Amino acid sequence: MAEKAAGEDTIVEEREEAPPPRGPAPSSKRKRAAADGVAPGASMCDDVVTNIFARLPARTAVACTALSKHHRGLIRSPEFTSLHRRLGAPLPSPHIAYLATAPIRRRPEQKKPVNVFHAFHVAGIGGGGAPMRSLAGWRYLGMSYINTCNGVVLLANKKKFSCPCRCVLWNPAVADGVTEVTVPDPWKTSDYQILGLGYGRRSETYKLLLCHKGRYTHSSRSKYSLAICSVGDVEDKEPTILSTELSAEVDKQVGQESLYADGTIYLLEIERKAILAFNVDDETVTSISLPTHNRPCFPKLMELSGRPCLAVEDDDDRSDAALWLLSPDHQWVRRCLIAKQRYEETIYLSSLKGVWDFGDMLLLHSEGFGDGTGSLFVYNIATGKMLKKTLHRDLAPDSSEYTICWGYKPTLVSPGSIIGNMQNQAGVDQSRRELPADMVKALQLVAERDGKKGHKATLDTVCFMNILVCIMQRLPDGDVQGLLEMLTGDPGGPACGIFRFG
């Protein structure tokens, strides 16, 4: 920020030293406007400029803050952020938003990482419109992707309960868009686990959905309940415990990631074979039975056409798989039935990582069973034919190295504006500025080194996601078999040669 400000001051000085223009002297209003960094006539066209900028991609809108101090003030205003959230340009189709993760170790023999690297990517979008940032630091150890809401990515520890319970709100589309939030418990008697972030459109409030771990009266058995906490009040008010109880094995039976859509947080509860839909405004929970009577083998909650999506075994024939979408009124709509395939072309739903819809064609990706390979499936809905290709082990990343961010939409929402109270964050920034220059330089060198390690470690994931998008772009033409042949496990395949010698 200091460098930009200095650059702007230089521009102002150059303008002041320039010879006066010919013609009548500017009016006092124009002089005051120039002194304030406001272009003449800006007040007359602010509405027009705002509506134009609000339709730009998030990163492009951020770049426009360099035009002038006046434009920067417009784009950073809460009114513009809200308008851009509603009118901002959508991501192109096809695309994949994902979080690539890599542990950082100081020495190869170290078992436990001392640092972690998170990189947010959007495959399929080029130029300045691609929101991509990275985080690295010991404070993010143990944190994983939970969900995304209005462009804000939620990171938290999804493997254990804790008190206090903390999480990170991160908007990768804007610079310095990271804020840490701690869920309070003044009595320090309850453990929490963070399940999701949601936005109430009527109340204009962001809320965290939590799992509260308590005890039954006169029993040592744990009791699990849903809890809710307004993000703006997390430092002043403890969470509200809801009446909805979860299954006893919540740490094993609740889906690892949630999904936010249209003011509702969706959570998969395997034990009760149900989707829990939490209305952020009303703070009510609706249990929606899964579209199958068979016990699902840990299906993954995904997003398709802007709606929650599940792939489960069909009730009529368990050898068939059905793809279901959940409508806004919480009705299941079957998108298609994937008929029984030959053994070598069978897809195992428990290993399904993602599905993408292209009209008459579906692209599905499943991970291997510990053998380091993965498979791509192209299913023709009209003919019922399935094309399966096993990826070379050098091409398919491990599932622990990435998470697909279903439902991601880039915005300019600042995590700092969500929590409201920035005094604590301001104190942290001030303490950082007061560090000696040589210490700051030393720490910066370590951060840059860890960043380089993280980028190198996530290259396989980035390559794989870009290849997936390349396949998606060719699916409407229907001829992808030749391309998939190059990505198989054939040792002499072209893709394998690239990975060996590229």
Protein backbone atom coordinates (compact mmCIF):
# COMPACT_ATOMS: atom_id res chain seq x y z
CA MET A 1 0.00 0.00 0.00
CA ALA A 2 2.86 2.39 0.81
CA GLU A 3 4.40 1.86 -2.62
CA LYS A 4 1.12 2.57 -4.36
CA ALA A 5 0.57 5.70 -2.30
CA ALA A 6 4.06 6.92 -3.12
CA GLY A 7 3.41 6.31 -6.79
CA GLU A 8 0.19 8.29 -6.65
CA ASP A 9 1.95 11.20 -4.91
CA THR A 10 4.53 11.25 -7.69
CA ILE A 11 1.82 11.48 -10.31
CA VAL A 12 0.20 14.40 -8.49
CA GLU A 13 3.54 16.24 -8.27
CA GLU A 14 4.19 15.73 -11.97
CA ARG A 15 0.80 17.17 -12.79
CA GLU A 16 1.43 20.18 -10.58
CA GLU A 17 4.80 20.90 -12.24
CA ALA A 18 3.34 20.69 -15.75
CA PRO A 19 2.74 24.01 -17.54
CA PRO A 20 -0.74 25.45 -17.09
CA PRO A 21 -3.17 24.60 -19.90
CA ARG A 22 -4.36 27.24 -22.30
CA GLY A 23 -7.84 28.57 -21.89
CA PRO A 24 -9.95 29.74 -18.96
CA ALA A 25 -8.82 28.94 -15.45
CA PRO A 26 -10.56 25.96 -13.84
CA SER A 27 -13.32 26.66 -11.39
CA SER A 28 -12.82 26.33 -7.64
CA LYS A 29 -14.94 23.14 -7.63
CA ARG A 30 -12.67 21.53 -10.21
CA LYS A 31 -9.59 22.59 -8.21
CA ARG A 32 -10.98 21.00 -5.06
CA ALA A 33 -11.89 17.86 -6.98
CA ALA A 34 -8.38 17.59 -8.41
CA ALA A 35 -6.86 18.11 -4.97
CA ASP A 36 -9.03 15.30 -3.60
CA GLY A 37 -7.96 12.93 -6.36
CA VAL A 38 -11.44 12.97 -7.94
CA ALA A 39 -11.76 13.29 -11.68
CA PRO A 40 -13.86 16.25 -12.88
CA GLY A 41 -17.47 15.22 -13.30
CA ALA A 42 -16.97 12.05 -11.28
CA SER A 43 -19.97 12.80 -9.08
CA MET A 44 -22.18 12.79 -12.17
CA CYS A 45 -21.07 9.40 -13.46
CA ASP A 46 -20.37 7.44 -10.28
CA ASP A 47 -23.56 5.43 -10.70
CA VAL A 48 -22.63 4.52 -14.27
CA VAL A 49 -19.04 3.61 -13.35
CA THR A 50 -20.20 1.58 -10.35
CA ASN A 51 -22.65 -0.44 -12.45
CA ILE A 52 -19.97 -1.12 -15.06
CA PHE A 53 -17.37 -2.19 -12.51
CA ALA A 54 -19.91 -4.33 -10.65
CA ARG A 55 -20.21 -6.59 -13.70
CA LEU A 56 -16.48 -7.23 -13.98
CA PRO A 57 -14.72 -10.34 -12.65
CA ALA A 58 -13.56 -9.93 -9.07
CA ARG A 59 -9.83 -9.73 -9.83
CA THR A 60 -10.44 -7.25 -12.66
CA ALA A 61 -12.50 -5.05 -10.33
CA VAL A 62 -9.69 -5.17 -7.76
CA ALA A 63 -7.20 -4.10 -10.44
CA CYS A 64 -9.37 -1.05 -11.18
CA THR A 65 -8.62 0.33 -7.71
CA ALA A 66 -5.29 1.51 -9.15
CA LEU A 67 -7.03 3.95 -11.51
CA SER A 68 -7.38 6.67 -8.87
CA LYS A 69 -8.11 7.29 -5.22
CA HIS A 70 -11.70 8.01 -6.12
CA HIS A 71 -12.16 4.71 -7.95
CA ARG A 72 -10.47 2.88 -5.09
CA GLY A 73 -12.94 4.41 -2.66
CA LEU A 74 -15.88 3.37 -4.85
CA ILE A 75 -14.74 -0.22 -5.27
CA ARG A 76 -13.88 -0.71 -1.61
CA SER A 77 -17.19 0.63 -0.34
CA PRO A 78 -19.68 -1.81 1.25
CA GLU A 79 -22.33 -0.72 -1.26
CA PHE A 80 -20.15 -1.73 -4.20
CA THR A 81 -19.22 -5.04 -2.57
CA SER A 82 -22.90 -5.88 -2.17
CA LEU A 83 -23.69 -4.82 -5.75
CA HIS A 84 -20.78 -6.81 -7.17
CA ARG A 85 -21.88 -9.88 -5.23
CA ARG A 86 -25.21 -9.74 -7.07
CA LEU A 87 -24.07 -8.58 -10.52
CA GLY A 88 -20.48 -9.82 -10.79
CA ALA A 89 -19.50 -11.78 -13.88
CA PRO A 90 -19.87 -15.54 -13.31
CA LEU A 91 -16.99 -17.90 -13.84
CA PRO A 92 -16.83 -19.30 -17.38
CA SER A 93 -17.97 -22.81 -18.10
CA PRO A 94 -16.30 -25.21 -17.74
CA HIS A 95 -14.14 -24.46 -14.72
CA ILE A 96 -12.96 -26.14 -11.51
CA ALA A 97 -12.34 -24.19 -8.32
CA TYR A 98 -10.11 -26.13 -5.97
CA LEU A 99 -7.72 -25.85 -3.05
CA ALA A 100 -4.33 -27.53 -3.44
CA THR A 101 -2.51 -28.41 -0.21
CA ALA A 102 1.05 -29.48 0.55
CA PRO A 103 2.81 -30.06 3.89
CA ILE A 104 6.13 -28.28 4.34
CA ARG A 105 9.03 -30.04 6.06
CA ARG A 106 12.41 -28.54 6.83
CA ARG A 107 14.24 -31.85 6.33
CA PRO A 108 13.27 -34.98 4.36
CA GLU A 109 13.50 -37.20 7.44
CA GLN A 110 10.93 -35.16 9.35
CA LYS A 111 7.66 -37.05 9.84
CA LYS A 112 5.51 -34.16 11.01
CA PRO A 113 5.33 -31.00 8.88
CA VAL A 114 6.30 -27.70 10.45
CA ASN A 115 4.28 -25.68 7.98
CA VAL A 116 1.50 -26.09 5.44
CA PHE A 117 0.82 -24.54 2.05
CA HIS A 118 -2.69 -23.85 0.70
CA ALA A 119 -3.12 -22.57 -2.87
CA PHE A 120 -6.49 -21.59 -4.33
CA HIS A 121 -6.89 -22.07 -8.07
CA VAL A 122 -9.62 -21.82 -10.68
CA ALA A 123 -8.80 -24.05 -13.64
CA GLY A 124 -10.37 -22.98 -16.91
CA ILE A 125 -10.20 -19.23 -16.45
CA GLY A 126 -7.30 -17.29 -17.91
CA GLY A 127 -5.80 -13.85 -17.65
CA GLY A 128 -6.43 -11.49 -14.78
CA GLY A 129 -9.87 -12.91 -14.09
CA ALA A 130 -8.52 -15.99 -12.29
CA PRO A 131 -8.64 -15.56 -8.49
CA MET A 132 -5.57 -17.31 -7.14
CA ARG A 133 -3.85 -16.77 -3.79
CA SER A 134 -1.82 -18.91 -1.44
CA LEU A 135 -1.40 -19.23 2.32
CA ALA A 136 1.58 -20.68 4.14
CA GLY A 137 2.31 -20.83 7.84
CA TRP A 138 2.26 -22.97 10.95
CA ARG A 139 -1.04 -21.39 12.02
CA TYR A 140 -2.77 -23.26 9.19
CA LEU A 141 -1.50 -26.69 10.24
CA GLY A 142 -4.39 -29.10 10.72
CA MET A 143 -6.80 -26.82 8.88
CA SER A 144 -8.77 -28.12 5.91
CA TYR A 145 -11.37 -26.82 3.51
CA ILE A 146 -14.93 -26.82 4.90
CA ASN A 147 -17.02 -24.82 2.42
CA THR A 148 -17.27 -21.52 0.58
CA CYS A 149 -19.89 -18.78 0.88
CA ASN A 150 -20.06 -15.62 -1.24
CA GLY A 151 -16.47 -16.10 -2.35
CA VAL A 152 -15.15 -16.57 1.20
CA VAL A 153 -13.36 -19.87 1.83
CA LEU A 154 -13.71 -21.43 5.29
CA LEU A 155 -10.75 -23.37 6.68
CA ALA A 156 -10.96 -25.25 9.98
CA ASN A 157 -9.91 -28.43 11.74
CA LYS A 158 -12.49 -31.03 10.75
CA LYS A 159 -10.91 -33.96 12.57
CA LYS A 160 -11.31 -32.98 16.20
CA PHE A 161 -13.33 -30.90 18.64
CA SER A 162 -11.61 -28.12 20.53
CA CYS A 163 -12.15 -25.27 22.94
CA PRO A 164 -11.58 -22.60 21.95
CA CYS A 165 -12.45 -23.49 18.39
CA ARG A 166 -10.86 -21.37 15.68
CA CYS A 167 -11.19 -21.07 11.92
CA VAL A 168 -9.90 -18.95 9.06
CA LEU A 169 -12.00 -16.87 6.66
CA TRP A 170 -10.18 -16.31 3.39
CA ASN A 171 -11.22 -14.51 0.21
CA PRO A 172 -8.62 -15.51 -2.41
CA ALA A 173 -9.92 -12.91 -4.87
CA VAL A 174 -8.64 -9.94 -2.85
CA ALA A 175 -5.28 -9.11 -1.31
CA ASP A 176 -4.91 -9.50 2.47
CA GLY A 177 -8.31 -11.19 2.58
CA VAL A 178 -7.52 -13.46 5.54
CA THR A 179 -9.01 -13.22 9.04
CA GLU A 180 -8.89 -15.67 11.93
CA VAL A 181 -12.05 -16.20 13.98
CA THR A 182 -12.29 -17.86 17.39
CA VAL A 183 -15.57 -19.30 18.65
CA PRO A 184 -15.89 -18.21 22.29
CA ASP A 185 -16.87 -20.23 25.32
CA PRO A 186 -16.46 -18.09 28.47
CA TRP A 187 -16.80 -21.14 30.74
CA LYS A 188 -14.49 -23.31 28.61
CA THR A 189 -16.70 -26.33 29.23
CA SER A 190 -17.83 -27.14 25.68
CA ASP A 191 -15.98 -28.38 22.64
CA TYR A 192 -16.97 -27.34 19.14
CA GLN A 193 -16.30 -28.39 15.59
CA ILE A 194 -16.97 -26.04 12.68
CA LEU A 195 -19.28 -27.44 9.99
CA GLY A 196 -19.91 -24.54 7.62
CA LEU A 197 -20.27 -20.85 6.82
CA GLY A 198 -23.52 -19.33 5.54
CA TYR A 199 -25.08 -15.97 4.73
CA GLY A 200 -28.57 -14.83 5.68
CA ARG A 201 -29.88 -12.68 2.86
CA ARG A 202 -32.64 -11.07 4.92
CA SER A 203 -30.54 -10.40 8.00
CA GLU A 204 -27.39 -9.72 5.92
CA THR A 205 -25.44 -11.69 8.51
CA TYR A 206 -22.78 -14.36 8.17
CA LYS A 207 -23.08 -17.30 10.55
CA LEU A 208 -21.02 -20.34 11.47
CA LEU A 209 -22.70 -23.72 11.75
CA LEU A 210 -21.08 -25.73 14.55
CA CYS A 211 -21.29 -29.11 16.17
CA HIS A 212 -21.45 -28.87 19.96
CA LYS A 213 -20.09 -31.75 22.01
CA GLY A 214 -21.64 -32.03 25.45
CA ARG A 215 -22.62 -34.67 27.97
CA TYR A 216 -25.91 -36.34 28.79
CA THR A 217 -27.11 -35.79 32.34
CA HIS A 218 -25.88 -38.53 34.71
CA SER A 219 -23.97 -40.16 31.87
CA SER A 220 -20.46 -40.11 30.49
CA ARG A 221 -21.75 -40.55 26.95
CA SER A 222 -21.15 -37.63 24.62
CA LYS A 223 -24.06 -35.65 23.22
CA TYR A 224 -23.77 -33.96 19.83
CA SER A 225 -25.96 -31.01 18.81
CA LEU A 226 -25.93 -28.36 16.14
CA ALA A 227 -25.04 -24.84 17.23
CA ILE A 228 -25.03 -21.48 15.48
CA CYS A 229 -22.90 -18.42 15.96
CA SER A 230 -23.07 -15.04 14.21
CA VAL A 231 -19.61 -14.28 12.84
CA GLY A 232 -19.83 -10.63 13.86
CA ASP A 233 -20.54 -11.62 17.47
CA VAL A 234 -18.04 -14.41 17.92
CA GLU A 235 -15.85 -12.40 20.29
CA ASP A 236 -18.76 -11.33 22.48
CA LYS A 237 -21.43 -14.03 22.44
CA GLU A 238 -21.17 -17.77 22.83
CA PRO A 239 -22.91 -20.03 20.27
CA THR A 240 -26.60 -20.86 20.49
CA ILE A 241 -27.25 -24.58 20.93
CA LEU A 242 -30.01 -25.82 18.62
CA SER A 243 -32.43 -28.61 19.47
CA THR A 244 -31.27 -30.76 16.55
CA GLU A 245 -29.19 -33.68 17.81
CA LEU A 246 -26.74 -35.51 15.61
CA SER A 247 -25.79 -39.15 15.58
CA ALA A 248 -23.38 -40.39 18.22
CA GLU A 249 -20.64 -41.03 15.68
CA VAL A 250 -20.73 -37.49 14.34
CA ASP A 251 -16.99 -37.32 13.79
CA LYS A 252 -17.23 -40.32 11.47
CA GLN A 253 -20.75 -40.12 10.06
CA VAL A 254 -21.06 -36.45 9.06
CA GLY A 255 -19.72 -35.43 5.66
CA GLN A 256 -16.34 -33.77 5.68
CA GLU A 257 -17.42 -30.77 3.64
CA SER A 258 -20.66 -28.82 3.61
CA LEU A 259 -22.26 -26.89 0.77
CA TYR A 260 -23.81 -23.40 0.82
CA ALA A 261 -26.48 -22.38 -1.68
CA ASP A 262 -29.18 -19.67 -1.60
CA GLY A 263 -29.13 -18.92 2.11
CA THR A 264 -28.89 -22.57 3.21
CA ILE A 265 -26.02 -24.73 4.48
CA TYR A 266 -26.34 -28.37 3.42
CA LEU A 267 -24.68 -31.09 5.47
CA LEU A 268 -24.62 -34.82 4.79
CA GLU A 269 -25.35 -37.12 7.75
CA ILE A 270 -24.59 -40.70 6.78
CA GLU A 271 -25.92 -42.43 9.91
CA ARG A 272 -29.48 -41.21 9.39
CA LYS A 273 -29.26 -41.28 5.59
CA ALA A 274 -30.26 -37.64 5.40
CA ILE A 275 -29.26 -34.19 4.24
CA LEU A 276 -29.46 -31.54 6.96
CA ALA A 277 -30.51 -28.18 5.49
CA PHE A 278 -29.80 -25.24 7.80
CA ASN A 279 -31.63 -22.00 6.96
CA VAL A 280 -29.24 -19.23 7.96
CA ASP A 281 -31.89 -16.53 8.45
CA ASP A 282 -34.46 -18.61 10.32
CA GLU A 283 -31.86 -20.74 12.13
CA THR A 284 -33.97 -23.82 11.48
CA VAL A 285 -32.84 -27.29 10.43
CA THR A 286 -34.70 -29.51 7.97
CA SER A 287 -33.84 -33.20 7.65
CA ILE A 288 -34.18 -34.43 4.06
CA SER A 289 -34.09 -38.19 3.50
CA LEU A 290 -31.67 -39.42 0.88
CA PRO A 291 -33.20 -40.62 -2.42
CA THR A 292 -32.38 -44.26 -1.65
CA HIS A 293 -33.45 -46.85 0.89
CA ASN A 294 -30.12 -48.63 0.63
CA ARG A 295 -27.40 -47.72 3.08
CA PRO A 296 -25.19 -45.33 1.11
CA CYS A 297 -21.49 -46.11 1.02
CA PHE A 298 -20.31 -42.66 2.08
CA PRO A 299 -21.53 -40.61 -0.89
CA LYS A 300 -19.92 -37.24 -1.50
CA LEU A 301 -21.97 -34.05 -1.41
CA MET A 302 -21.26 -32.24 -4.68
CA GLU A 303 -22.76 -29.39 -6.70
CA LEU A 304 -24.33 -29.60 -10.14
CA SER A 305 -26.14 -26.76 -11.93
CA GLY A 306 -25.97 -24.70 -8.75
CA ARG A 307 -27.73 -27.32 -6.62
CA PRO A 308 -26.58 -30.01 -4.15
CA CYS A 309 -25.94 -33.30 -5.89
CA LEU A 310 -25.52 -36.94 -4.81
CA ALA A 311 -24.66 -40.14 -6.64
CA VAL A 312 -26.17 -43.19 -4.88
CA GLU A 313 -27.18 -46.75 -5.64
CA ASP A 314 -30.53 -47.11 -7.35
CA ASP A 315 -33.29 -48.71 -5.27
CA ASP A 316 -34.59 -50.89 -8.11
CA ASP A 317 -31.21 -52.29 -9.06
CA ARG A 318 -28.23 -51.76 -6.75
CA SER A 319 -25.88 -52.35 -9.66
CA ASP A 320 -27.17 -49.10 -11.20
CA ALA A 321 -26.18 -45.64 -9.97
CA ALA A 322 -28.52 -42.65 -9.91
CA LEU A 323 -27.50 -39.00 -9.98
CA TRP A 324 -29.87 -36.81 -7.94
CA LEU A 325 -30.23 -33.04 -7.59
CA LEU A 326 -31.88 -31.31 -4.62
CA SER A 327 -34.30 -28.59 -5.73
CA PRO A 328 -34.74 -25.27 -3.84
CA ASP A 329 -37.96 -26.65 -2.28
CA HIS A 330 -35.99 -29.70 -1.04
CA GLN A 331 -37.33 -32.22 -3.53
CA TRP A 332 -35.05 -34.80 -5.11
CA VAL A 333 -34.92 -34.71 -8.91
CA ARG A 334 -33.17 -37.56 -10.70
CA ARG A 335 -30.80 -36.18 -13.30
CA CYS A 336 -29.97 -39.54 -14.86
CA LEU A 337 -29.53 -43.24 -14.25
CA ILE A 338 -26.11 -44.74 -14.89
CA ALA A 339 -26.94 -48.25 -16.01
CA LYS A 340 -24.95 -51.30 -14.96
CA GLN A 341 -21.67 -51.53 -16.83
CA ARG A 342 -19.21 -54.26 -17.55
CA TYR A 343 -16.95 -55.10 -14.63
CA GLU A 344 -13.94 -53.31 -16.09
CA GLU A 345 -16.04 -50.14 -16.57
CA THR A 346 -17.76 -50.15 -13.19
CA ILE A 347 -17.57 -46.96 -11.15
CA TYR A 348 -17.43 -47.27 -7.37
CA LEU A 349 -19.48 -44.52 -5.78
CA SER A 350 -17.42 -44.53 -2.59
CA SER A 351 -14.39 -43.40 -4.60
CA LEU A 352 -16.20 -40.75 -6.65
CA LYS A 353 -14.49 -37.35 -6.39
CA GLY A 354 -16.47 -35.26 -8.85
CA VAL A 355 -19.09 -35.22 -11.58
CA TRP A 356 -19.70 -32.58 -14.25
CA ASP A 357 -22.76 -32.30 -16.49
CA PHE A 358 -22.54 -31.41 -20.19
CA GLY A 359 -26.04 -32.09 -21.46
CA ASP A 360 -25.99 -35.57 -22.95
CA MET A 361 -22.55 -36.32 -21.52
CA LEU A 362 -21.25 -36.74 -17.97
CA LEU A 363 -17.62 -36.59 -16.89
CA LEU A 364 -16.84 -38.43 -13.66
CA HIS A 365 -13.58 -38.76 -11.76
CA SER A 366 -12.83 -41.39 -9.14
CA GLU A 367 -9.70 -42.01 -7.15
CA GLY A 368 -7.91 -45.33 -6.96
CA PHE A 369 -7.94 -47.65 -3.97
CA GLY A 370 -4.49 -46.93 -2.57
CA ASP A 371 -2.66 -47.77 -5.79
CA GLY A 372 -1.89 -44.17 -6.73
CA THR A 373 -4.08 -44.22 -9.82
CA GLY A 374 -7.38 -42.63 -10.72
CA SER A 375 -10.00 -43.11 -13.40
CA LEU A 376 -11.97 -40.86 -15.71
CA PHE A 377 -15.42 -41.89 -16.92
CA VAL A 378 -17.35 -40.38 -19.81
CA TYR A 379 -20.99 -41.47 -19.74
CA ASN A 380 -23.36 -40.96 -22.66
CA ILE A 381 -26.81 -40.49 -21.14
CA ALA A 382 -28.65 -41.12 -24.41
CA THR A 383 -26.93 -44.40 -25.28
CA GLY A 384 -26.04 -45.58 -21.78
CA LYS A 385 -22.47 -46.27 -22.84
CA MET A 386 -19.57 -45.70 -20.48
CA LEU A 387 -15.99 -44.94 -21.48
CA LYS A 388 -13.45 -45.54 -18.71
CA LYS A 389 -9.76 -44.74 -18.76
CA THR A 390 -7.33 -45.34 -15.92
CA LEU A 391 -4.92 -42.47 -15.46
CA HIS A 392 -1.21 -43.01 -15.15
CA ARG A 393 -0.06 -42.84 -11.52
CA ASP A 394 2.20 -39.87 -12.36
CA LEU A 395 -0.80 -37.93 -13.61
CA ALA A 396 -3.44 -38.51 -10.93
CA PRO A 397 -2.80 -36.61 -7.66
CA ASP A 398 -3.67 -38.13 -4.31
CA SER A 399 -7.05 -37.12 -2.93
CA SER A 400 -5.37 -35.64 0.16
CA GLU A 401 -3.57 -33.10 -2.03
CA TYR A 402 -6.64 -31.16 -3.16
CA THR A 403 -10.28 -30.37 -2.45
CA ILE A 404 -12.81 -29.21 -5.02
CA CYS A 405 -14.58 -26.05 -3.84
CA TRP A 406 -18.13 -26.72 -5.03
CA GLY A 407 -20.30 -23.63 -5.44
CA TYR A 408 -17.45 -21.11 -5.42
CA LYS A 409 -18.36 -17.66 -6.78
CA PRO A 410 -15.72 -14.89 -6.68
CA THR A 411 -16.70 -11.72 -4.80
CA LEU A 412 -15.03 -8.73 -3.15
CA VAL A 413 -16.37 -9.58 0.31
CA SER A 414 -13.69 -8.84 2.88
CA PRO A 415 -13.45 -11.25 5.83
CA GLY A 416 -12.58 -8.25 7.99
CA SER A 417 -15.90 -6.62 7.12
CA ILE A 418 -17.70 -9.85 8.03
CA ILE A 419 -16.45 -10.02 11.60
CA GLY A 420 -16.91 -6.28 12.12
CA ASN A 421 -14.42 -5.97 14.99
CA MET A 422 -11.02 -5.20 13.46
CA GLN A 423 -9.27 -3.90 16.57
CA ASN A 424 -7.52 -7.18 17.26
CA GLN A 425 -6.47 -7.59 13.64
CA ALA A 426 -5.24 -3.99 13.53
CA GLY A 427 -3.10 -4.68 16.58
CA VAL A 428 -1.52 -7.68 14.86
CA ASP A 429 -0.76 -5.62 11.77
CA GLN A 430 0.73 -2.83 13.88
CA SER A 431 2.99 -5.26 15.75
CA ARG A 432 4.20 -6.64 12.45
CA ARG A 433 5.06 -3.17 11.21
CA GLU A 434 7.07 -2.48 14.37
CA LEU A 435 9.35 -5.50 13.89
CA PRO A 436 12.97 -4.62 13.09
CA ALA A 437 13.66 -4.41 9.38
CA ASP A 438 16.31 -7.13 9.46
CA MET A 439 13.94 -9.52 11.25
CA VAL A 440 11.16 -8.81 8.76
CA LYS A 441 13.59 -9.53 5.93
CA ALA A 442 14.68 -12.81 7.52
CA LEU A 443 11.08 -13.94 8.02
CA GLN A 444 10.21 -12.94 4.47
CA LEU A 445 12.99 -15.13 3.10
CA VAL A 446 11.61 -18.14 4.98
CA ALA A 447 8.08 -17.41 3.76
CA GLU A 448 9.27 -17.14 0.16
CA ARG A 449 11.16 -20.43 0.47
CA ASP A 450 8.10 -22.22 1.87
CA GLY A 451 5.98 -20.71 -0.88
CA LYS A 452 8.32 -22.06 -3.55
CA LYS A 453 8.25 -25.50 -1.92
CA GLY A 454 4.47 -25.43 -1.81
CA HIS A 455 4.09 -24.34 -5.43
CA LYS A 456 6.44 -27.09 -6.56
CA ALA A 457 4.64 -29.71 -4.47
CA THR A 458 1.23 -28.78 -5.92
CA LEU A 459 2.25 -28.71 -9.60
CA ASP A 460 0.88 -32.20 -10.23
CA THR A 461 -2.53 -31.15 -8.94
CA VAL A 462 -2.53 -27.97 -11.03
CA CYS A 463 -1.59 -29.94 -14.15
CA PHE A 464 -4.29 -32.54 -13.52
CA MET A 465 -7.04 -29.95 -13.05
CA ASN A 466 -6.04 -28.12 -16.23
CA ILE A 467 -6.18 -31.42 -18.12
CA LEU A 468 -9.67 -32.08 -16.75
CA VAL A 469 -10.84 -28.72 -18.05
CA CYS A 470 -9.29 -29.43 -21.46
CA ILE A 471 -11.32 -32.64 -21.61
CA MET A 472 -14.48 -30.80 -20.56
CA GLN A 473 -14.03 -28.23 -23.32
CA ARG A 474 -14.02 -31.05 -25.89
CA LEU A 475 -16.95 -33.01 -24.45
CA PRO A 476 -19.69 -31.11 -26.35
CA ASP A 477 -18.13 -32.40 -29.59
CA GLY A 478 -18.44 -35.92 -28.22
CA ASP A 479 -15.04 -37.13 -29.41
CA VAL A 480 -12.69 -37.40 -26.44
CA GLN A 481 -11.67 -41.04 -26.72
CA GLY A 482 -8.47 -40.22 -28.57
CA LEU A 483 -7.53 -37.65 -25.95
CA LEU A 484 -8.26 -40.03 -23.10
CA GLU A 485 -6.11 -42.70 -24.75
CA MET A 486 -3.12 -40.40 -24.28
CA LEU A 487 -3.82 -40.15 -20.55
CA THR A 488 -4.04 -43.87 -19.78
CA GLY A 489 -1.53 -45.91 -17.89
CA ASP A 490 0.15 -47.03 -21.11
CA PRO A 491 3.90 -46.70 -20.42
CA GLY A 492 4.42 -45.49 -23.96
CA GLY A 493 1.65 -42.90 -23.87
CA PRO A 494 2.48 -39.29 -24.79
CA ALA A 495 1.39 -37.95 -21.40
CA CYS A 496 3.74 -40.34 -19.61
CA GLY A 497 6.62 -39.13 -21.73
CA ILE A 498 5.89 -35.56 -20.70
CA PHE A 499 5.98 -36.47 -17.04
CA ARG A 500 9.20 -38.43 -17.39
CA PHE A 501 11.21 -35.90 -19.34
CA GLY A 502 9.23 -32.64 -19.13
